[in-house]
Amino acid sequence: MTTTADKVVPTGRRSRFISEDWEAGVFRVHRDAFRSREVFDAELRALWGKSWLYLGHASELEQPCDFKLRRVGGRQLIFLRDVKGVIRAFYNSCPHRGTAVCREEEGNSKHLRCFYHAWTFDTEGCLVSLPSPDAYPPDSGFRERLGLRPVAQLSVFRDFVFVCFDEQSPPLADYLGPAADYFALIDEQSPDGVRALPGAQRYRARANWKLLVENAMDGYHFAPSHVTFLEYLKRTGTTTSDAGNSVTFCGRHLGSVQPNHGGRIGLSWEPRFGEDEKERIDRNRAEIFGRLGEERGRYLTDGFKVLYFLPNLILFDIESVSVRMLEPIAPDLTEVTAWALAPRTEDPASTGLRLKTLVSFIGPGGLATPDDLEAQEAIQRGIVTTAGDPREGVDWNDVSRGMAEELRGDARLSANDEAGIRHFWRTWDDAVSAQLAAAGCP
């Protein structure tokens, strides 16, 4: 870094993808990061292959022997609760000849049977039967050797289940860091914790996955892009303000908090929710304040929060709670799966209102998500048009808004600036550029 008369200026970085100049106040991202297959493959190795990834919520597997199929980082996994109640994750691949063992999306079974050769496994992954076992030497240990393959690491925090494909990666607690409190706040909405509501929303964006991350941490787009939603809020008597809207660096992850946003099911009331919900919210708030104290209680109930957990999870605690899992399919295609969470003992009327409110705003057909998808896909189309132009600055995105505030070290960085997005890109560049360098790519 360099020193001037009144401040210390970081040196910044210059890589294949990032151009950061603090003295000039310029931060740029090369558009190859969004469209290159080489970059996409490096991301899968460096991020999805080595990081902790969100797999699901333990409440999705209510009973022993419940299972679900889930695609994470390009790998299909069997997410299950075994006969003893332990959460497990196995590759959906028979150790015999590689056949996908499970062909149903979900179910309940004490045994998982491969249809090709009828090899059968229990819920702990052990090979328990197969045709003609005498073809193998009796003392060869083939049953132990040929059980279902578990993922390298699995860990559960507050019923949020995570997996890691690298056995050398540090434990989940280290990887979570300050982001752990965002998950704790969701769980603390009820003394009995929360559960995933039945069903999921699944859709695709014809855009790079990183554009969905940028959008989630970009308060700057909200007023221009979501005019319809803002007009709806005005018609229903809802007031909102971006005063105090801030972004926080949570280690590898990012958090965003808007303390002045009301209208959260079960936590803070707006007239559009109706008088019955007001009574329920008043009771809930009293219980939460008594259990957590005034300061923690108000932080939980008043204002929305968004967490981006690198690389595959966006946790929205806005009007309702939504878990949005990102799955990159190609450099220009991303699959999104979203689940709603609710207090385990919530009144059915509140849960109905919760689902209606969630779908109306951040559902794939709501007032916000279609706007965001159109923006993401328009960006993806736009970055193709400048590919290969060698002129300075032409084939780059600018992410410089608010650099002066970040340089001053302001404790509360505005989410309407781009400090959070810059933090994401630095973290991304550390992993992906190192992966490309290790592979001998310039």
Protein backbone atom coordinates (compact mmCIF):
# COMPACT_ATOMS: atom_id res chain seq x y z
CA MET A 1 0.00 0.00 0.00
CA THR A 2 1.02 3.64 -0.40
CA THR A 3 0.78 6.50 2.09
CA THR A 4 -0.41 10.02 1.34
CA ALA A 5 -0.55 13.01 3.68
CA ASP A 6 -3.95 12.08 5.08
CA LYS A 7 -4.60 8.41 4.41
CA VAL A 8 -3.16 5.00 3.73
CA VAL A 9 -4.16 3.70 0.30
CA PRO A 10 -4.20 -0.06 -0.34
CA THR A 11 -2.17 -1.25 -3.29
CA GLY A 12 -5.13 -2.98 -4.86
CA ARG A 13 -4.79 -5.91 -7.21
CA ARG A 14 -4.31 -6.59 -10.86
CA SER A 15 -5.13 -10.07 -12.13
CA ARG A 16 -6.57 -11.55 -15.26
CA PHE A 17 -10.06 -10.77 -13.94
CA ILE A 18 -9.76 -7.92 -11.43
CA SER A 19 -8.39 -4.42 -11.91
CA GLU A 20 -8.42 -2.55 -8.60
CA ASP A 21 -6.93 0.93 -8.31
CA TRP A 22 -7.63 2.62 -4.96
CA GLU A 23 -5.91 5.90 -5.82
CA ALA A 24 -8.07 6.31 -8.91
CA GLY A 25 -11.13 4.85 -7.17
CA VAL A 26 -11.68 2.24 -9.88
CA PHE A 27 -12.61 -1.44 -9.52
CA ARG A 28 -13.30 -3.45 -12.67
CA VAL A 29 -14.16 -7.08 -13.42
CA HIS A 30 -13.28 -8.64 -16.77
CA ARG A 31 -16.30 -10.07 -18.53
CA ASP A 32 -14.54 -13.37 -19.27
CA ALA A 33 -15.44 -14.23 -15.67
CA PHE A 34 -19.07 -14.55 -16.78
CA ARG A 35 -18.73 -16.37 -20.09
CA SER A 36 -15.54 -18.48 -20.18
CA ARG A 37 -15.88 -22.27 -19.98
CA GLU A 38 -12.33 -22.43 -18.65
CA VAL A 39 -13.31 -20.14 -15.78
CA PHE A 40 -16.50 -22.09 -15.15
CA ASP A 41 -14.59 -25.36 -14.83
CA ALA A 42 -12.05 -23.72 -12.51
CA GLU A 43 -14.90 -22.47 -10.30
CA LEU A 44 -16.31 -25.96 -9.93
CA ARG A 45 -12.91 -27.22 -8.80
CA ALA A 46 -11.86 -24.28 -6.62
CA LEU A 47 -15.19 -23.31 -5.04
CA TRP A 48 -17.72 -26.13 -5.34
CA GLY A 49 -14.99 -28.75 -5.00
CA LYS A 50 -13.34 -27.36 -1.86
CA SER A 51 -15.88 -25.17 -0.05
CA TRP A 52 -18.72 -26.11 2.27
CA LEU A 53 -21.97 -26.26 0.30
CA TYR A 54 -25.55 -26.00 1.49
CA LEU A 55 -27.37 -29.31 0.96
CA GLY A 56 -30.70 -28.89 2.72
CA HIS A 57 -32.57 -28.48 5.99
CA ALA A 58 -32.80 -31.38 8.44
CA SER A 59 -36.56 -30.88 8.75
CA GLU A 60 -36.96 -31.97 5.12
CA LEU A 61 -36.24 -35.48 6.39
CA GLU A 62 -38.80 -35.77 9.17
CA GLN A 63 -38.82 -39.55 9.57
CA PRO A 64 -36.08 -42.17 9.68
CA CYS A 65 -35.42 -43.55 6.18
CA ASP A 66 -36.69 -40.38 4.44
CA PHE A 67 -34.52 -39.48 1.45
CA LYS A 68 -34.28 -36.84 -1.25
CA LEU A 69 -32.12 -36.46 -4.33
CA ARG A 70 -30.20 -33.23 -4.58
CA ARG A 71 -27.76 -31.91 -7.18
CA VAL A 72 -24.91 -29.90 -5.67
CA GLY A 73 -21.85 -28.75 -7.58
CA GLY A 74 -22.74 -30.94 -10.54
CA ARG A 75 -22.95 -34.08 -8.37
CA GLN A 76 -26.17 -35.89 -7.57
CA LEU A 77 -26.39 -36.81 -3.90
CA ILE A 78 -28.72 -38.98 -1.82
CA PHE A 79 -29.67 -36.80 1.15
CA LEU A 80 -31.19 -39.06 3.80
CA ARG A 81 -31.94 -39.76 7.44
CA ASP A 82 -30.89 -43.28 8.36
CA VAL A 83 -32.82 -45.76 10.52
CA LYS A 84 -31.14 -44.34 13.64
CA GLY A 85 -32.05 -40.73 12.75
CA VAL A 86 -28.57 -39.67 11.57
CA ILE A 87 -28.37 -37.28 8.59
CA ARG A 88 -26.17 -38.67 5.79
CA ALA A 89 -25.23 -37.87 2.20
CA PHE A 90 -24.02 -40.40 -0.37
CA TYR A 91 -23.08 -40.08 -4.00
CA ASN A 92 -25.97 -41.39 -6.09
CA SER A 93 -23.70 -43.89 -7.79
CA CYS A 94 -23.52 -47.64 -7.29
CA PRO A 95 -19.98 -48.63 -6.30
CA HIS A 96 -20.33 -51.72 -8.51
CA ARG A 97 -20.66 -50.24 -12.02
CA GLY A 98 -21.67 -46.64 -11.38
CA THR A 99 -25.43 -46.79 -11.96
CA ALA A 100 -27.57 -44.12 -10.30
CA VAL A 101 -29.06 -45.98 -7.34
CA CYS A 102 -32.00 -43.67 -6.64
CA ARG A 103 -34.21 -42.72 -9.56
CA GLU A 104 -37.01 -41.10 -7.56
CA GLU A 105 -36.77 -37.53 -6.31
CA GLU A 106 -37.80 -38.45 -2.77
CA GLY A 107 -39.25 -41.22 -0.68
CA ASN A 108 -38.94 -43.36 2.42
CA SER A 109 -37.22 -46.74 2.36
CA LYS A 110 -35.07 -48.87 4.61
CA HIS A 111 -33.12 -50.05 1.58
CA LEU A 112 -31.78 -48.48 -1.61
CA ARG A 113 -31.66 -50.91 -4.52
CA CYS A 114 -29.74 -50.49 -7.76
CA PHE A 115 -31.99 -51.69 -10.59
CA TYR A 116 -29.14 -52.77 -12.87
CA HIS A 117 -27.75 -55.70 -10.86
CA ALA A 118 -30.02 -55.56 -7.78
CA TRP A 119 -27.29 -54.60 -5.35
CA THR A 120 -29.05 -53.38 -2.20
CA PHE A 121 -27.80 -50.98 0.46
CA ASP A 122 -29.14 -49.99 3.86
CA THR A 123 -29.55 -46.39 4.97
CA GLU A 124 -26.06 -46.40 6.47
CA GLY A 125 -24.65 -47.17 3.03
CA CYS A 126 -23.72 -50.79 3.75
CA LEU A 127 -24.07 -53.40 1.01
CA VAL A 128 -26.56 -55.86 2.51
CA SER A 129 -27.51 -58.11 -0.42
CA LEU A 130 -26.72 -58.91 -4.04
CA PRO A 131 -27.38 -61.78 -6.44
CA SER A 132 -24.85 -64.61 -6.34
CA PRO A 133 -22.54 -63.28 -3.63
CA ASP A 134 -20.56 -66.52 -3.79
CA ALA A 135 -18.87 -65.19 -6.95
CA TYR A 136 -16.71 -63.12 -4.57
CA PRO A 137 -14.16 -64.69 -2.20
CA PRO A 138 -15.88 -65.01 1.20
CA ASP A 139 -13.07 -63.34 3.14
CA SER A 140 -12.26 -60.58 0.64
CA GLY A 141 -14.16 -57.88 2.53
CA PHE A 142 -16.00 -56.91 -0.66
CA ARG A 143 -19.16 -55.89 1.24
CA GLU A 144 -17.22 -53.35 3.31
CA ARG A 145 -15.28 -52.18 0.26
CA LEU A 146 -18.32 -51.74 -1.97
CA GLY A 147 -20.72 -49.76 0.20
CA LEU A 148 -22.26 -46.47 -0.96
CA ARG A 149 -19.68 -43.68 -1.10
CA PRO A 150 -20.33 -40.92 1.45
CA VAL A 151 -19.31 -37.33 0.80
CA ALA A 152 -15.97 -36.38 2.35
CA GLN A 153 -17.53 -34.20 5.06
CA LEU A 154 -21.03 -33.48 6.33
CA SER A 155 -21.95 -31.14 9.16
CA VAL A 156 -25.16 -29.69 10.59
CA PHE A 157 -25.57 -26.25 12.15
CA ARG A 158 -28.96 -25.25 13.57
CA ASP A 159 -30.57 -27.89 11.30
CA PHE A 160 -28.92 -26.40 8.19
CA VAL A 161 -27.03 -29.25 6.52
CA PHE A 162 -23.75 -28.68 4.68
CA VAL A 163 -21.40 -30.96 2.75
CA CYS A 164 -17.83 -30.61 1.54
CA PHE A 165 -16.21 -32.75 -1.16
CA ASP A 166 -12.68 -32.11 0.13
CA GLU A 167 -11.63 -34.00 3.26
CA GLN A 168 -8.74 -31.54 3.76
CA SER A 169 -11.00 -28.48 4.05
CA PRO A 170 -11.34 -26.92 7.52
CA PRO A 171 -14.42 -27.75 9.63
CA LEU A 172 -17.74 -26.05 9.01
CA ALA A 173 -17.48 -23.89 12.15
CA ASP A 174 -14.33 -22.27 10.77
CA TYR A 175 -15.87 -21.80 7.34
CA LEU A 176 -19.06 -20.24 8.72
CA GLY A 177 -17.30 -17.58 10.75
CA PRO A 178 -19.51 -14.55 11.48
CA ALA A 179 -22.12 -15.85 9.03
CA ALA A 180 -23.18 -18.37 11.68
CA ASP A 181 -25.24 -15.68 13.41
CA TYR A 182 -27.49 -15.26 10.36
CA PHE A 183 -28.43 -18.94 10.54
CA ALA A 184 -28.89 -18.66 14.31
CA LEU A 185 -31.28 -15.73 13.87
CA ILE A 186 -33.47 -17.79 11.56
CA ASP A 187 -33.57 -20.66 14.05
CA GLU A 188 -34.31 -18.29 16.94
CA GLN A 189 -37.56 -17.09 15.39
CA SER A 190 -39.25 -19.84 17.39
CA PRO A 191 -38.34 -21.58 20.66
CA ASP A 192 -38.76 -24.86 18.75
CA GLY A 193 -36.72 -23.82 15.74
CA VAL A 194 -37.90 -23.67 12.14
CA ARG A 195 -38.89 -26.20 9.51
CA ALA A 196 -38.83 -26.31 5.74
CA LEU A 197 -42.35 -26.08 4.36
CA PRO A 198 -43.39 -28.76 1.85
CA GLY A 199 -42.61 -28.10 -1.79
CA ALA A 200 -39.93 -26.12 -3.57
CA GLN A 201 -39.63 -23.53 -6.31
CA ARG A 202 -37.25 -24.49 -9.10
CA TYR A 203 -36.38 -22.36 -12.10
CA ARG A 204 -33.47 -21.45 -14.33
CA ALA A 205 -31.77 -18.19 -15.18
CA ARG A 206 -30.07 -17.88 -18.55
CA ALA A 207 -27.23 -16.11 -16.78
CA ASN A 208 -23.99 -16.80 -14.95
CA TRP A 209 -24.43 -17.73 -11.29
CA LYS A 210 -22.33 -14.78 -10.13
CA LEU A 211 -24.89 -12.37 -11.55
CA LEU A 212 -27.44 -13.79 -9.10
CA VAL A 213 -24.97 -13.22 -6.26
CA GLU A 214 -24.32 -9.65 -7.33
CA ASN A 215 -28.06 -8.95 -7.56
CA ALA A 216 -28.74 -10.26 -4.04
CA MET A 217 -26.12 -7.90 -2.58
CA ASP A 218 -26.98 -4.88 -4.74
CA GLY A 219 -29.30 -2.40 -3.07
CA TYR A 220 -28.59 0.11 -5.84
CA HIS A 221 -30.89 -1.66 -8.33
CA PHE A 222 -33.94 -1.87 -6.09
CA ALA A 223 -35.75 1.40 -6.84
CA PRO A 224 -35.12 1.44 -10.62
CA SER A 225 -35.87 -2.26 -11.17
CA HIS A 226 -38.73 -2.94 -8.75
CA VAL A 227 -41.05 0.02 -9.41
CA THR A 228 -44.11 -2.25 -9.52
CA PHE A 229 -43.39 -3.61 -6.07
CA LEU A 230 -42.74 -0.17 -4.60
CA GLU A 231 -46.07 1.07 -6.02
CA TYR A 232 -47.78 -1.95 -4.47
CA LEU A 233 -46.29 -1.07 -1.07
CA LYS A 234 -47.61 2.48 -1.37
CA ARG A 235 -51.11 1.25 -2.25
CA THR A 236 -51.18 -1.08 0.76
CA GLY A 237 -50.03 1.60 3.20
CA THR A 238 -46.59 0.09 3.71
CA THR A 239 -43.64 2.38 4.33
CA THR A 240 -40.05 1.42 3.72
CA SER A 241 -36.74 3.23 3.87
CA ASP A 242 -33.20 2.35 2.91
CA ALA A 243 -31.78 4.47 5.74
CA GLY A 244 -29.22 2.40 7.58
CA ASN A 245 -29.20 -0.28 4.89
CA SER A 246 -25.74 -1.79 5.30
CA VAL A 247 -23.52 -4.60 4.08
CA THR A 248 -21.15 -6.59 6.30
CA PHE A 249 -18.14 -8.69 5.34
CA CYS A 250 -18.60 -12.06 7.07
CA GLY A 251 -15.28 -13.71 6.31
CA ARG A 252 -15.79 -15.34 2.90
CA HIS A 253 -19.49 -14.50 3.02
CA LEU A 254 -21.64 -11.36 2.88
CA GLY A 255 -24.51 -10.06 4.98
CA SER A 256 -26.94 -7.24 4.32
CA VAL A 257 -29.22 -5.66 6.92
CA GLN A 258 -31.99 -3.07 6.55
CA PRO A 259 -33.21 -2.21 10.06
CA ASN A 260 -36.10 0.05 8.98
CA HIS A 261 -38.02 -2.37 6.78
CA GLY A 262 -41.28 -3.55 8.35
CA GLY A 263 -43.70 -6.18 7.19
CA ARG A 264 -42.32 -9.58 8.22
CA ILE A 265 -44.66 -12.51 8.81
CA GLY A 266 -44.78 -13.41 12.47
CA LEU A 267 -42.32 -10.68 13.47
CA SER A 268 -43.38 -7.16 12.46
CA TRP A 269 -46.78 -5.99 11.29
CA GLU A 270 -48.06 -4.05 8.30
CA PRO A 271 -51.74 -3.19 7.65
CA ARG A 272 -51.81 -5.45 4.58
CA PHE A 273 -51.39 -8.48 6.89
CA GLY A 274 -54.73 -7.91 8.64
CA GLU A 275 -55.74 -7.61 12.30
CA ASP A 276 -55.62 -11.34 13.05
CA GLU A 277 -51.95 -11.45 12.10
CA LYS A 278 -51.30 -8.37 14.23
CA GLU A 279 -52.49 -10.24 17.32
CA ARG A 280 -50.28 -13.22 16.50
CA ILE A 281 -47.27 -10.98 15.87
CA ASP A 282 -47.77 -9.17 19.18
CA ARG A 283 -47.72 -12.53 20.99
CA ASN A 284 -44.67 -13.69 19.05
CA ARG A 285 -42.71 -10.53 19.77
CA ALA A 286 -43.46 -10.76 23.48
CA GLU A 287 -42.23 -14.36 23.54
CA ILE A 288 -39.08 -13.52 21.53
CA PHE A 289 -38.16 -10.53 23.72
CA GLY A 290 -38.67 -12.60 26.84
CA ARG A 291 -36.51 -15.41 25.50
CA LEU A 292 -33.72 -13.41 23.81
CA GLY A 293 -33.81 -10.04 25.53
CA GLU A 294 -34.77 -6.65 24.15
CA GLU A 295 -31.65 -5.94 22.08
CA ARG A 296 -31.39 -9.35 20.42
CA GLY A 297 -35.15 -9.54 20.05
CA ARG A 298 -35.40 -6.24 18.19
CA TYR A 299 -32.47 -7.14 15.96
CA LEU A 300 -34.25 -10.35 15.03
CA THR A 301 -37.74 -8.93 14.52
CA ASP A 302 -37.22 -5.42 13.09
CA GLY A 303 -35.75 -5.17 9.62
CA PHE A 304 -34.74 -7.63 6.95
CA LYS A 305 -31.53 -9.56 6.49
CA VAL A 306 -29.89 -11.26 3.53
CA LEU A 307 -26.91 -13.62 3.70
CA TYR A 308 -24.80 -14.83 0.81
CA PHE A 309 -22.99 -18.00 1.86
CA LEU A 310 -20.16 -18.69 -0.60
CA PRO A 311 -20.67 -20.29 -3.01
CA ASN A 312 -24.18 -21.76 -3.33
CA LEU A 313 -26.66 -20.25 -0.85
CA ILE A 314 -28.61 -17.00 -0.60
CA LEU A 315 -30.66 -16.76 2.59
CA PHE A 316 -33.47 -14.20 2.47
CA ASP A 317 -35.11 -13.14 5.71
CA ILE A 318 -37.19 -10.34 4.24
CA GLU A 319 -41.00 -10.53 4.36
CA SER A 320 -40.68 -14.26 4.91
CA VAL A 321 -37.74 -16.67 5.07
CA SER A 322 -36.51 -18.23 1.85
CA VAL A 323 -33.48 -20.44 1.24
CA ARG A 324 -32.26 -20.11 -2.34
CA MET A 325 -29.69 -22.65 -3.55
CA LEU A 326 -27.64 -21.90 -6.67
CA GLU A 327 -26.47 -24.66 -9.00
CA PRO A 328 -24.31 -23.63 -11.99
CA ILE A 329 -25.21 -25.64 -15.10
CA ALA A 330 -23.09 -23.77 -17.67
CA PRO A 331 -21.32 -20.40 -17.87
CA ASP A 332 -24.60 -18.86 -19.00
CA LEU A 333 -27.12 -21.05 -17.17
CA THR A 334 -27.97 -21.35 -13.46
CA GLU A 335 -30.58 -23.49 -11.73
CA VAL A 336 -32.24 -22.09 -8.62
CA THR A 337 -34.09 -24.13 -6.01
CA ALA A 338 -35.86 -22.29 -3.19
CA TRP A 339 -37.58 -23.45 -0.02
CA ALA A 340 -39.65 -21.54 2.52
CA LEU A 341 -38.85 -21.85 6.23
CA ALA A 342 -41.32 -21.23 9.04
CA PRO A 343 -41.48 -21.69 12.84
CA ARG A 344 -42.25 -25.30 13.64
CA THR A 345 -45.35 -24.47 15.69
CA GLU A 346 -46.64 -21.58 13.59
CA ASP A 347 -50.37 -21.05 13.30
CA PRO A 348 -51.66 -22.45 9.96
CA ALA A 349 -53.22 -19.10 9.07
CA SER A 350 -49.85 -17.39 9.47
CA THR A 351 -48.14 -20.07 7.41
CA GLY A 352 -50.67 -19.56 4.63
CA LEU A 353 -50.08 -15.83 4.72
CA ARG A 354 -46.32 -16.48 4.79
CA LEU A 355 -46.43 -18.56 1.62
CA LYS A 356 -48.72 -16.11 -0.15
CA THR A 357 -46.43 -13.20 0.74
CA LEU A 358 -43.26 -15.05 -0.20
CA VAL A 359 -44.62 -16.11 -3.59
CA SER A 360 -45.90 -12.61 -4.31
CA PHE A 361 -42.46 -11.03 -3.82
CA ILE A 362 -39.46 -13.34 -4.28
CA GLY A 363 -41.18 -16.30 -5.91
CA PRO A 364 -40.35 -16.92 -9.60
CA GLY A 365 -43.66 -15.31 -10.58
CA GLY A 366 -43.65 -12.59 -7.91
CA LEU A 367 -43.21 -8.85 -8.06
CA ALA A 368 -39.42 -8.92 -7.67
CA THR A 369 -37.81 -12.09 -9.04
CA PRO A 370 -38.96 -11.71 -12.68
CA ASP A 371 -37.44 -8.20 -12.69
CA ASP A 372 -34.18 -9.61 -11.37
CA LEU A 373 -34.12 -12.49 -13.84
CA GLU A 374 -34.66 -10.14 -16.76
CA ALA A 375 -31.80 -7.95 -15.53
CA GLN A 376 -29.46 -10.93 -15.06
CA GLU A 377 -30.25 -12.34 -18.47
CA ALA A 378 -29.90 -8.92 -20.10
CA ILE A 379 -26.44 -8.59 -18.54
CA GLN A 380 -25.49 -12.03 -19.84
CA ARG A 381 -26.60 -11.03 -23.34
CA GLY A 382 -24.79 -7.73 -23.05
CA ILE A 383 -21.40 -9.08 -22.01
CA VAL A 384 -21.25 -11.24 -25.13
CA THR A 385 -21.31 -8.18 -27.36
CA THR A 386 -17.94 -6.82 -26.18
CA ALA A 387 -16.04 -10.15 -26.17
CA GLY A 388 -12.60 -9.86 -27.71
CA ASP A 389 -12.47 -6.06 -27.94
CA PRO A 390 -8.87 -5.25 -26.92
CA ARG A 391 -9.39 -1.58 -26.14
CA GLU A 392 -8.80 -0.48 -22.57
CA GLY A 393 -11.89 -0.78 -20.45
CA VAL A 394 -14.30 -1.93 -23.16
CA ASP A 395 -14.67 -5.58 -22.08
CA TRP A 396 -14.90 -4.85 -18.34
CA ASN A 397 -17.70 -4.25 -15.82
CA ASP A 398 -17.29 -1.31 -13.44
CA VAL A 399 -17.85 -2.01 -9.73
CA SER A 400 -16.45 1.24 -8.29
CA ARG A 401 -19.46 2.78 -6.54
CA GLY A 402 -18.67 3.71 -2.93
CA MET A 403 -14.93 3.01 -2.99
CA ALA A 404 -14.20 6.22 -1.06
CA GLU A 405 -16.43 5.08 1.83
CA GLU A 406 -14.81 1.66 1.85
CA LEU A 407 -11.34 3.24 1.86
CA ARG A 408 -12.27 5.34 4.90
CA GLY A 409 -13.08 2.11 6.70
CA ASP A 410 -16.68 3.10 7.47
CA ALA A 411 -18.14 0.63 9.95
CA ARG A 412 -21.49 0.55 8.13
CA LEU A 413 -20.96 0.27 4.40
CA SER A 414 -24.10 1.12 2.44
CA ALA A 415 -25.71 -1.78 0.58
CA ASN A 416 -26.58 0.79 -2.09
CA ASP A 417 -22.89 1.00 -2.88
CA GLU A 418 -20.86 -1.88 -4.31
CA ALA A 419 -18.49 -2.71 -1.45
CA GLY A 420 -20.13 -6.07 -0.86
CA ILE A 421 -19.86 -7.00 -4.51
CA ARG A 422 -16.18 -6.04 -4.51
CA HIS A 423 -15.62 -8.22 -1.45
CA PHE A 424 -17.21 -11.14 -3.28
CA TRP A 425 -14.99 -10.61 -6.31
CA ARG A 426 -11.80 -10.47 -4.25
CA THR A 427 -12.73 -13.73 -2.53
CA TRP A 428 -13.67 -15.31 -5.85
CA ASP A 429 -10.44 -14.14 -7.50
CA ASP A 430 -8.29 -15.55 -4.70
CA ALA A 431 -9.75 -19.02 -5.29
CA VAL A 432 -10.23 -19.11 -9.05
CA SER A 433 -7.02 -17.38 -10.14
CA ALA A 434 -5.05 -19.74 -7.87
CA GLN A 435 -6.84 -22.73 -9.40
CA LEU A 436 -6.07 -21.56 -12.94
CA ALA A 437 -2.45 -20.87 -12.05
CA ALA A 438 -2.09 -24.36 -10.54
CA ALA A 439 -3.46 -25.78 -13.81
CA GLY A 440 -0.87 -23.82 -15.79
CA CYS A 441 -3.37 -21.32 -17.23
CA PRO A 442 -2.19 -17.71 -17.60
